C-alpha atoms as a PDB file:
ATOM      1  CA  MET A   1     -30.305  57.420 146.763  1.00  0.00           C
ATOM      2  CA  LYS A   2     -30.323  58.677 142.998  1.00  0.00           C
ATOM      3  CA  LYS A   3     -32.115  56.336 140.899  1.00  0.00           C
ATOM      4  CA  PHE A   4     -31.424  55.737 137.004  1.00  0.00           C
ATOM      5  CA  PHE A   5     -31.754  53.241 134.191  1.00  0.00           C
ATOM      6  CA  VAL A   6     -29.674  53.108 131.005  1.00  0.00           C
ATOM      7  CA  MET A   7     -32.264  52.777 128.295  1.00  0.00           C
ATOM      8  CA  THR A   8     -31.024  51.421 125.055  1.00  0.00           C
ATOM      9  CA  ARG A   9     -31.222  48.909 122.312  1.00  0.00           C
ATOM     10  CA  GLY A  10     -28.933  46.069 121.218  1.00  0.00           C
ATOM     11  CA  ARG A  11     -25.283  46.702 120.420  1.00  0.00           C
ATOM     12  CA  THR A  12     -24.810  50.096 121.339  1.00  0.00           C
ATOM     13  CA  GLY A  13     -21.332  49.564 123.860  1.00  0.00           C
ATOM     14  CA  SER A  14     -24.216  49.402 127.015  1.00  0.00           C
ATOM     15  CA  THR A  15     -22.401  46.382 128.435  1.00  0.00           C
ATOM     16  CA  ALA A  16     -18.891  48.456 128.926  1.00  0.00           C
ATOM     17  CA  ILE A  17     -20.289  51.765 129.905  1.00  0.00           C
ATOM     18  CA  VAL A  18     -22.260  50.091 132.901  1.00  0.00           C
ATOM     19  CA  ASP A  19     -19.152  48.162 133.844  1.00  0.00           C
ATOM     20  CA  VAL A  20     -17.379  51.581 133.882  1.00  0.00           C
ATOM     21  CA  LEU A  21     -20.146  53.095 135.962  1.00  0.00           C
ATOM     22  CA  ASN A  22     -20.107  50.207 138.168  1.00  0.00           C
ATOM     23  CA  LYS A  23     -16.570  51.131 139.134  1.00  0.00           C
ATOM     24  CA  SER A  24     -17.919  54.616 140.563  1.00  0.00           C
ATOM     25  CA  ASN A  25     -17.460  55.567 144.341  1.00  0.00           C
ATOM     26  CA  ASN A  26     -20.627  56.998 144.105  1.00  0.00           C
ATOM     27  CA  VAL A  27     -22.745  54.318 141.674  1.00  0.00           C
ATOM     28  CA  CYS A  28     -23.813  50.750 142.220  1.00  0.00           C
ATOM     29  CA  ALA A  29     -24.913  49.425 138.919  1.00  0.00           C
ATOM     30  CA  ALA A  30     -26.182  46.500 137.438  1.00  0.00           C
ATOM     31  CA  GLN A  31     -26.418  44.921 133.998  1.00  0.00           C
ATOM     32  CA  GLU A  32     -29.798  44.010 132.865  1.00  0.00           C
ATOM     33  CA  LEU A  33     -31.453  43.878 136.185  1.00  0.00           C
ATOM     34  CA  PHE A  34     -34.836  42.445 134.537  1.00  0.00           C
ATOM     35  CA  LEU A  35     -32.759  39.084 133.525  1.00  0.00           C
ATOM     36  CA  LYS A  36     -31.612  36.196 136.090  1.00  0.00           C
ATOM     37  CA  PHE A  37     -28.166  37.093 137.227  1.00  0.00           C
ATOM     38  CA  GLU A  38     -25.648  37.340 140.317  1.00  0.00           C
ATOM     39  CA  PHE A  39     -25.874  40.398 141.931  1.00  0.00           C
ATOM     40  CA  GLU A  40     -22.567  41.748 142.487  1.00  0.00           C
ATOM     41  CA  LYS A  41     -20.462  44.850 143.367  1.00  0.00           C
ATOM     42  CA  LYS A  42     -16.656  44.869 143.890  1.00  0.00           C
ATOM     43  CA  ASP A  43     -16.086  42.413 146.477  1.00  0.00           C
ATOM     44  CA  TYR A  44     -19.891  42.294 147.841  1.00  0.00           C
ATOM     45  CA  LYS A  45     -22.131  39.447 146.131  1.00  0.00           C
ATOM     46  CA  LYS A  46     -25.499  39.332 146.931  1.00  0.00           C
ATOM     47  CA  TYR A  47     -28.020  36.705 145.007  1.00  0.00           C
ATOM     48  CA  LEU A  48     -31.459  38.377 144.623  1.00  0.00           C
ATOM     49  CA  ILE A  49     -34.132  36.164 146.397  1.00  0.00           C
ATOM     50  CA  PRO A  50     -37.067  34.359 145.344  1.00  0.00           C
ATOM     51  CA  PRO A  51     -39.717  35.096 144.297  1.00  0.00           C
ATOM     52  CA  TYR A  52     -37.904  37.722 142.083  1.00  0.00           C
ATOM     53  CA  GLU A  53     -35.464  34.959 140.947  1.00  0.00           C
ATOM     54  CA  LEU A  54     -38.924  33.016 139.404  1.00  0.00           C
ATOM     55  CA  TRP A  55     -40.854  35.890 138.483  1.00  0.00           C
ATOM     56  CA  LYS A  56     -38.115  36.944 136.105  1.00  0.00           C
ATOM     57  CA  ASN A  57     -36.998  33.468 134.751  1.00  0.00           C
ATOM     58  CA  THR A  58     -39.892  33.467 132.174  1.00  0.00           C
ATOM     59  CA  GLY A  59     -39.069  29.898 130.820  1.00  0.00           C
ATOM     60  CA  ASN A  60     -39.595  28.448 134.326  1.00  0.00           C
ATOM     61  CA  VAL A  61     -43.023  26.576 134.929  1.00  0.00           C
ATOM     62  CA  TYR A  62     -43.026  27.947 138.347  1.00  0.00           C
ATOM     63  CA  SER A  63     -42.159  31.388 137.122  1.00  0.00           C
ATOM     64  CA  VAL A  64     -45.460  31.081 134.819  1.00  0.00           C
ATOM     65  CA  LEU A  65     -47.256  30.256 137.558  1.00  0.00           C
ATOM     66  CA  LEU A  66     -46.384  33.163 139.613  1.00  0.00           C
ATOM     67  CA  ARG A  67     -47.449  35.711 136.785  1.00  0.00           C
ATOM     68  CA  LYS A  68     -50.708  33.994 137.004  1.00  0.00           C
ATOM     69  CA  ILE A  69     -51.630  34.396 140.715  1.00  0.00           C
ATOM     70  CA  SER A  70     -49.499  37.826 141.500  1.00  0.00           C
ATOM     71  CA  ASN A  71     -49.762  41.538 140.346  1.00  0.00           C
ATOM     72  CA  GLU A  72     -47.492  42.320 137.909  1.00  0.00           C
ATOM     73  CA  ALA A  73     -46.897  45.385 139.014  1.00  0.00           C
ATOM     74  CA  VAL A  74     -46.337  44.727 142.642  1.00  0.00           C
ATOM     75  CA  ASN A  75     -43.923  41.949 142.149  1.00  0.00           C
ATOM     76  CA  ILE A  76     -41.706  44.938 139.869  1.00  0.00           C
ATOM     77  CA  GLU A  77     -42.112  47.353 142.984  1.00  0.00           C
ATOM     78  CA  LYS A  78     -40.922  44.704 145.614  1.00  0.00           C
ATOM     79  CA  TYR A  79     -37.840  43.849 143.234  1.00  0.00           C
ATOM     80  CA  LEU A  80     -37.158  47.269 142.584  1.00  0.00           C
ATOM     81  CA  ASN A  81     -37.293  48.049 146.544  1.00  0.00           C
ATOM     82  CA  HIS A  82     -35.199  44.916 147.299  1.00  0.00           C
ATOM     83  CA  ALA A  83     -32.680  46.002 144.909  1.00  0.00           C
ATOM     84  CA  GLU A  84     -32.169  49.321 145.745  1.00  0.00           C
ATOM     85  CA  LYS A  85     -31.862  47.791 149.555  1.00  0.00           C
ATOM     86  CA  ILE A  86     -28.716  45.738 148.214  1.00  0.00           C
ATOM     87  CA  MET A  87     -27.337  48.760 146.838  1.00  0.00           C
ATOM     88  CA  ALA A  88     -27.809  50.933 149.777  1.00  0.00           C
ATOM     89  CA  GLU A  89     -25.858  48.387 151.704  1.00  0.00           C
ATOM     90  CA  ASN A  90     -22.574  49.574 149.362  1.00  0.00           C
ATOM     91  CA  SER A  91     -22.877  53.021 150.740  1.00  0.00           C
ATOM     92  CA  VAL A  92     -23.275  54.770 147.343  1.00  0.00           C
ATOM     93  CA  ASN A  93     -25.270  58.005 145.895  1.00  0.00           C
ATOM     94  CA  ALA A  94     -26.778  56.293 142.838  1.00  0.00           C
ATOM     95  CA  PHE A  95     -28.225  53.426 141.690  1.00  0.00           C
ATOM     96  CA  CYS A  96     -28.561  52.005 138.085  1.00  0.00           C
ATOM     97  CA  PHE A  97     -28.905  49.162 135.801  1.00  0.00           C
ATOM     98  CA  LYS A  98     -29.540  48.590 132.103  1.00  0.00           C
ATOM     99  CA  LEU A  99     -32.747  48.026 130.225  1.00  0.00           C
ATOM    100  CA  LEU A 100     -33.532  46.845 126.449  1.00  0.00           C
ATOM    101  CA  SER A 101     -36.081  49.306 125.229  1.00  0.00           C
ATOM    102  CA  HIS A 102     -37.942  45.978 124.486  1.00  0.00           C
ATOM    103  CA  ASN A 103     -38.555  45.016 127.836  1.00  0.00           C
ATOM    104  CA  PHE A 104     -41.286  47.374 128.055  1.00  0.00           C
ATOM    105  CA  ASP A 105     -42.961  45.410 125.487  1.00  0.00           C
ATOM    106  CA  GLU A 106     -42.197  42.343 127.318  1.00  0.00           C
ATOM    107  CA  ILE A 107     -43.332  43.812 131.007  1.00  0.00           C
ATOM    108  CA  PRO A 108     -46.336  46.100 130.488  1.00  0.00           C
ATOM    109  CA  ALA A 109     -46.159  46.905 134.116  1.00  0.00           C
ATOM    110  CA  LEU A 110     -42.359  48.279 133.983  1.00  0.00           C
ATOM    111  CA  LYS A 111     -43.120  51.835 132.844  1.00  0.00           C
ATOM    112  CA  LYS A 112     -45.532  52.899 135.181  1.00  0.00           C
ATOM    113  CA  GLN A 113     -43.421  51.542 138.327  1.00  0.00           C
ATOM    114  CA  LEU A 114     -40.535  52.961 137.061  1.00  0.00           C
ATOM    115  CA  LEU A 115     -42.038  56.228 136.915  1.00  0.00           C
ATOM    116  CA  LYS A 116     -43.470  55.817 140.430  1.00  0.00           C
ATOM    117  CA  SER A 117     -40.425  55.035 141.784  1.00  0.00           C
ATOM    118  CA  SER A 118     -38.842  58.150 140.237  1.00  0.00           C
ATOM    119  CA  PHE A 119     -36.237  56.429 138.201  1.00  0.00           C
ATOM    120  CA  LYS A 120     -34.532  59.145 135.658  1.00  0.00           C
ATOM    121  CA  THR A 121     -33.380  57.748 132.426  1.00  0.00           C
ATOM    122  CA  VAL A 122     -30.062  57.947 129.994  1.00  0.00           C
ATOM    123  CA  TYR A 123     -31.005  57.187 126.861  1.00  0.00           C
ATOM    124  CA  LEU A 124     -28.006  55.179 124.910  1.00  0.00           C
ATOM    125  CA  THR A 125     -27.735  55.471 121.066  1.00  0.00           C
ATOM    126  CA  ARG A 126     -24.987  54.697 118.765  1.00  0.00           C
ATOM    127  CA  ASN A 127     -24.813  55.459 114.961  1.00  0.00           C
ATOM    128  CA  VAL A 128     -26.812  52.993 113.490  1.00  0.00           C
ATOM    129  CA  PRO A 129     -25.018  51.670 110.666  1.00  0.00           C
ATOM    130  CA  ARG A 130     -22.073  50.820 113.111  1.00  0.00           C
ATOM    131  CA  GLN A 131     -24.542  49.260 115.464  1.00  0.00           C
ATOM    132  CA  VAL A 132     -26.169  46.538 112.967  1.00  0.00           C
ATOM    133  CA  ILE A 133     -22.821  45.982 111.760  1.00  0.00           C
ATOM    134  CA  SER A 134     -22.085  45.082 115.025  1.00  0.00           C
ATOM    135  CA  GLY A 135     -24.697  42.941 115.395  1.00  0.00           C
ATOM    136  CA  MET A 136     -24.056  41.188 112.768  1.00  0.00           C
ATOM    137  CA  VAL A 137     -21.004  40.234 112.738  1.00  0.00           C
ATOM    138  CA  ALA A 138     -21.449  39.487 116.567  1.00  0.00           C
ATOM    139  CA  LYS A 139     -24.020  36.556 115.348  1.00  0.00           C
ATOM    140  CA  LEU A 140     -21.709  35.210 112.614  1.00  0.00           C
ATOM    141  CA  ARG A 141     -18.696  34.980 115.187  1.00  0.00           C
ATOM    142  CA  GLY A 142     -20.788  33.771 117.851  1.00  0.00           C
ATOM    143  CA  ILE A 143     -19.421  36.219 120.427  1.00  0.00           C
ATOM    144  CA  TYR A 144     -20.613  38.981 121.675  1.00  0.00           C
ATOM    145  CA  ASN A 145     -18.782  40.385 124.313  1.00  0.00           C
ATOM    146  CA  MET A 146     -15.264  39.589 125.504  1.00  0.00           C
ATOM    147  CA  HIS A 147     -13.180  40.792 128.826  1.00  0.00           C
ATOM    148  CA  GLU A 148      -9.858  42.774 128.124  1.00  0.00           C
ATOM    149  CA  ARG A 149      -7.986  40.277 130.169  1.00  0.00           C
ATOM    150  CA  GLU A 150      -9.575  37.311 128.076  1.00  0.00           C
ATOM    151  CA  GLY A 151      -6.788  38.695 124.983  1.00  0.00           C
ATOM    152  CA  TYR A 152      -9.595  38.072 122.252  1.00  0.00           C
ATOM    153  CA  SER A 153      -8.058  38.393 118.839  1.00  0.00           C
ATOM    154  CA  ASP A 154     -10.255  37.612 115.437  1.00  0.00           C
ATOM    155  CA  ASN A 155      -8.476  38.051 112.615  1.00  0.00           C
ATOM    156  CA  ALA A 156     -11.283  36.978 110.062  1.00  0.00           C
ATOM    157  CA  SER A 157     -12.988  39.042 107.581  1.00  0.00           C
ATOM    158  CA  TYR A 158     -16.783  38.786 107.299  1.00  0.00           C
ATOM    159  CA  VAL A 159     -19.402  39.325 104.634  1.00  0.00           C
ATOM    160  CA  ILE A 160     -22.402  41.692 105.710  1.00  0.00           C
ATOM    161  CA  ASP A 161     -25.694  40.846 103.527  1.00  0.00           C
ATOM    162  CA  VAL A 162     -26.285  44.213 102.255  1.00  0.00           C
ATOM    163  CA  ASP A 163     -29.839  43.640 101.927  1.00  0.00           C
ATOM    164  CA  GLU A 164     -30.090  42.445 105.542  1.00  0.00           C
ATOM    165  CA  PHE A 165     -27.869  45.308 106.465  1.00  0.00           C
ATOM    166  CA  LYS A 166     -30.270  47.956 104.676  1.00  0.00           C
ATOM    167  CA  SER A 167     -33.286  46.571 106.234  1.00  0.00           C
ATOM    168  CA  LEU A 168     -31.803  46.396 109.637  1.00  0.00           C
ATOM    169  CA  VAL A 169     -30.477  50.102 109.404  1.00  0.00           C
ATOM    170  CA  LYS A 170     -33.979  51.251 108.670  1.00  0.00           C
ATOM    171  CA  TRP A 171     -35.665  49.397 111.397  1.00  0.00           C
ATOM    172  CA  GLU A 172     -33.729  50.450 113.965  1.00  0.00           C
ATOM    173  CA  THR A 173     -33.427  54.237 112.825  1.00  0.00           C
ATOM    174  CA  LYS A 174     -37.431  53.761 112.984  1.00  0.00           C
ATOM    175  CA  ALA A 175     -36.967  52.147 116.859  1.00  0.00           C
ATOM    176  CA  VAL A 176     -34.808  54.675 118.095  1.00  0.00           C
ATOM    177  CA  ALA A 177     -37.295  57.244 117.096  1.00  0.00           C
ATOM    178  CA  ASN A 178     -40.104  55.427 118.685  1.00  0.00           C
ATOM    179  CA  ASP A 179     -38.153  55.060 122.049  1.00  0.00           C
ATOM    180  CA  ILE A 180     -37.598  58.779 122.355  1.00  0.00           C
ATOM    181  CA  ALA A 181     -40.934  59.666 121.575  1.00  0.00           C
ATOM    182  CA  MET A 182     -42.198  57.380 124.132  1.00  0.00           C
ATOM    183  CA  LEU A 183     -39.775  58.997 126.794  1.00  0.00           C
ATOM    184  CA  GLU A 184     -41.054  62.363 125.840  1.00  0.00           C
ATOM    185  CA  SER A 185     -44.793  61.450 126.163  1.00  0.00           C
ATOM    186  CA  SER A 186     -44.300  58.984 128.964  1.00  0.00           C
ATOM    187  CA  GLY A 187     -42.741  61.959 131.080  1.00  0.00           C
ATOM    188  CA  PHE A 188     -39.501  60.431 131.525  1.00  0.00           C
ATOM    189  CA  GLU A 189     -36.711  62.958 132.831  1.00  0.00           C
ATOM    190  CA  PHE A 190     -33.854  61.982 130.395  1.00  0.00           C
ATOM    191  CA  ILE A 191     -30.941  62.633 128.288  1.00  0.00           C
ATOM    192  CA  GLN A 192     -29.591  61.346 125.337  1.00  0.00           C
ATOM    193  CA  VAL A 193     -26.200  59.962 125.247  1.00  0.00           C
ATOM    194  CA  ARG A 194     -24.137  58.242 122.709  1.00  0.00           C
ATOM    195  CA  TYR A 195     -21.802  55.814 122.533  1.00  0.00           C
ATOM    196  CA  GLU A 196     -19.202  57.267 120.300  1.00  0.00           C
ATOM    197  CA  ASP A 197     -18.699  60.385 122.719  1.00  0.00           C
ATOM    198  CA  PHE A 198     -18.022  57.762 125.349  1.00  0.00           C
ATOM    199  CA  VAL A 199     -15.183  56.159 123.044  1.00  0.00           C
ATOM    200  CA  HIS A 200     -13.734  59.766 122.295  1.00  0.00           C
ATOM    201  CA  ASN A 201     -14.120  61.487 125.479  1.00  0.00           C
ATOM    202  CA  PRO A 202     -15.200  59.229 128.475  1.00  0.00           C
ATOM    203  CA  ASP A 203     -14.597  62.159 130.845  1.00  0.00           C
ATOM    204  CA  ALA A 204     -17.094  64.571 129.321  1.00  0.00           C
ATOM    205  CA  PHE A 205     -19.227  61.797 128.593  1.00  0.00           C
ATOM    206  CA  PHE A 206     -19.528  60.639 132.275  1.00  0.00           C
ATOM    207  CA  ALA A 207     -19.545  64.233 133.555  1.00  0.00           C
ATOM    208  CA  ASN A 208     -22.595  64.609 131.319  1.00  0.00           C
ATOM    209  CA  ILE A 209     -24.558  61.483 133.383  1.00  0.00           C
ATOM    210  CA  PHE A 210     -23.084  62.654 137.244  1.00  0.00           C
ATOM    211  CA  SER A 211     -24.195  66.201 136.205  1.00  0.00           C
ATOM    212  CA  PHE A 212     -27.919  64.975 135.008  1.00  0.00           C
ATOM    213  CA  ILE A 213     -28.281  62.706 138.104  1.00  0.00           C
ATOM    214  CA  ASN A 214     -26.909  65.470 140.487  1.00  0.00           C
ATOM    215  CA  ILE A 215     -24.168  63.388 141.768  1.00  0.00           C
ATOM    216  CA  PRO A 216     -19.951  63.930 142.706  1.00  0.00           C
ATOM    217  CA  GLN A 217     -18.290  63.981 139.730  1.00  0.00           C
ATOM    218  CA  GLU A 218     -15.404  61.690 139.264  1.00  0.00           C
ATOM    219  CA  ILE A 219     -12.903  60.606 136.522  1.00  0.00           C
ATOM    220  CA  LEU A 220     -13.304  56.463 136.107  1.00  0.00           C
ATOM    221  CA  PRO A 221     -11.033  53.880 135.175  1.00  0.00           C
ATOM    222  CA  ASP A 222     -11.325  52.143 131.484  1.00  0.00           C
ATOM    223  CA  SER A 223     -13.963  49.186 130.482  1.00  0.00           C
ATOM    224  CA  SER A 224     -12.934  45.766 131.396  1.00  0.00           C
ATOM    225  CA  PHE A 225     -14.636  44.816 128.473  1.00  0.00           C
ATOM    226  CA  SER A 226     -12.670  44.991 124.839  1.00  0.00           C
ATOM    227  CA  ILE A 227     -13.561  46.918 121.736  1.00  0.00           C
ATOM    228  CA  MET A 228     -14.815  43.829 119.264  1.00  0.00           C
ATOM    229  CA  ILE A 229     -14.327  45.880 116.217  1.00  0.00           C
ATOM    230  CA  LYS A 230     -11.330  47.828 116.071  1.00  0.00           C
ATOM    231  CA  ASP A 231     -10.979  48.199 112.048  1.00  0.00           C
ATOM    232  CA  LEU A 232     -13.969  48.123 110.665  1.00  0.00           C
ATOM    233  CA  SER A 233     -12.426  47.924 107.092  1.00  0.00           C
ATOM    234  CA  LYS A 234     -10.565  44.832 108.091  1.00  0.00           C
ATOM    235  CA  VAL A 235     -13.389  42.739 109.742  1.00  0.00           C
ATOM    236  CA  VAL A 236     -15.813  43.323 107.104  1.00  0.00           C
ATOM    237  CA  LYS A 237     -14.736  41.959 103.874  1.00  0.00           C
ATOM    238  CA  ASN A 238     -17.416  43.782 101.659  1.00  0.00           C
ATOM    239  CA  TYR A 239     -16.657  47.083 103.443  1.00  0.00           C
ATOM    240  CA  ASP A 240     -16.618  49.132 100.066  1.00  0.00           C
ATOM    241  CA  GLU A 241     -20.389  47.751  99.241  1.00  0.00           C
ATOM    242  CA  VAL A 242     -21.419  48.122 102.869  1.00  0.00           C
ATOM    243  CA  TYR A 243     -20.290  51.930 102.770  1.00  0.00           C
ATOM    244  CA  SER A 244     -21.961  52.509  99.559  1.00  0.00           C
ATOM    245  CA  CYS A 245     -25.136  51.254 100.972  1.00  0.00           C
ATOM    246  CA  VAL A 246     -25.245  53.908 103.903  1.00  0.00           C
ATOM    247  CA  ASP A 247     -24.227  56.510 101.608  1.00  0.00           C
ATOM    248  CA  LYS A 248     -27.151  56.119  99.910  1.00  0.00           C
ATOM    249  CA  LEU A 249     -29.214  55.865 102.573  1.00  0.00           C
ATOM    250  CA  GLY A 250     -27.947  59.174 103.633  1.00  0.00           C
ATOM    251  CA  LEU A 251     -26.417  58.173 106.650  1.00  0.00           C
ATOM    252  CA  GLU A 252     -22.984  58.202 107.862  1.00  0.00           C
ATOM    253  CA  LEU A 253     -20.604  54.853 109.113  1.00  0.00           C
ATOM    254  CA  LEU A 254     -18.736  56.213 112.028  1.00  0.00           C
END
């Protein structure tokens, strides 16, 4: 079975992309495999069994004890093998999951185990100013993702703190560069893809991924998730001020 993970940072559209990948006939995709969640693929449901849920649930006293008395690398290996076994029951060609780049800092043994298990990497980025605005607006709204069927609508506009925005853009730009440097130096086989390409030409976007993973090409349906900011100039109350800040940073607001 082909194995890969979609590595990214927050607010890059990764939830929608993994959702679409999971609609493929050839791929079984999970959102964040290293969070406690219900394992679901189409009409098939199965819980990841203990000790994996305890091991992941870092706030649980039993998980703390488990980490102290067990080998983290062994836990990761068994957990990935268990997840792969569940995926295989769906008769698919590939198994993938989303991984936020900071998970490598939180779980030191993770990188080595993914390399050992021959996982390829799809590194997803987004226009950084737009990514930062998405995060700031989501925080102000208190809503991060919604399914299309929920019919979410928000006509409010929000003031973006320009100083905070500028600082976050610089931080995220550096973080993306660090992620790419880590992938290159660690020996992961990876490609870099952009959220903007997913939005404007999803067929070509997924064709690129399928070619990299070496699985059959197919046309996928739309994501079940809504685009949370459809018109930036209406959602951001001080849009002109933010746009000017981006211009002074020598960046674009896509």
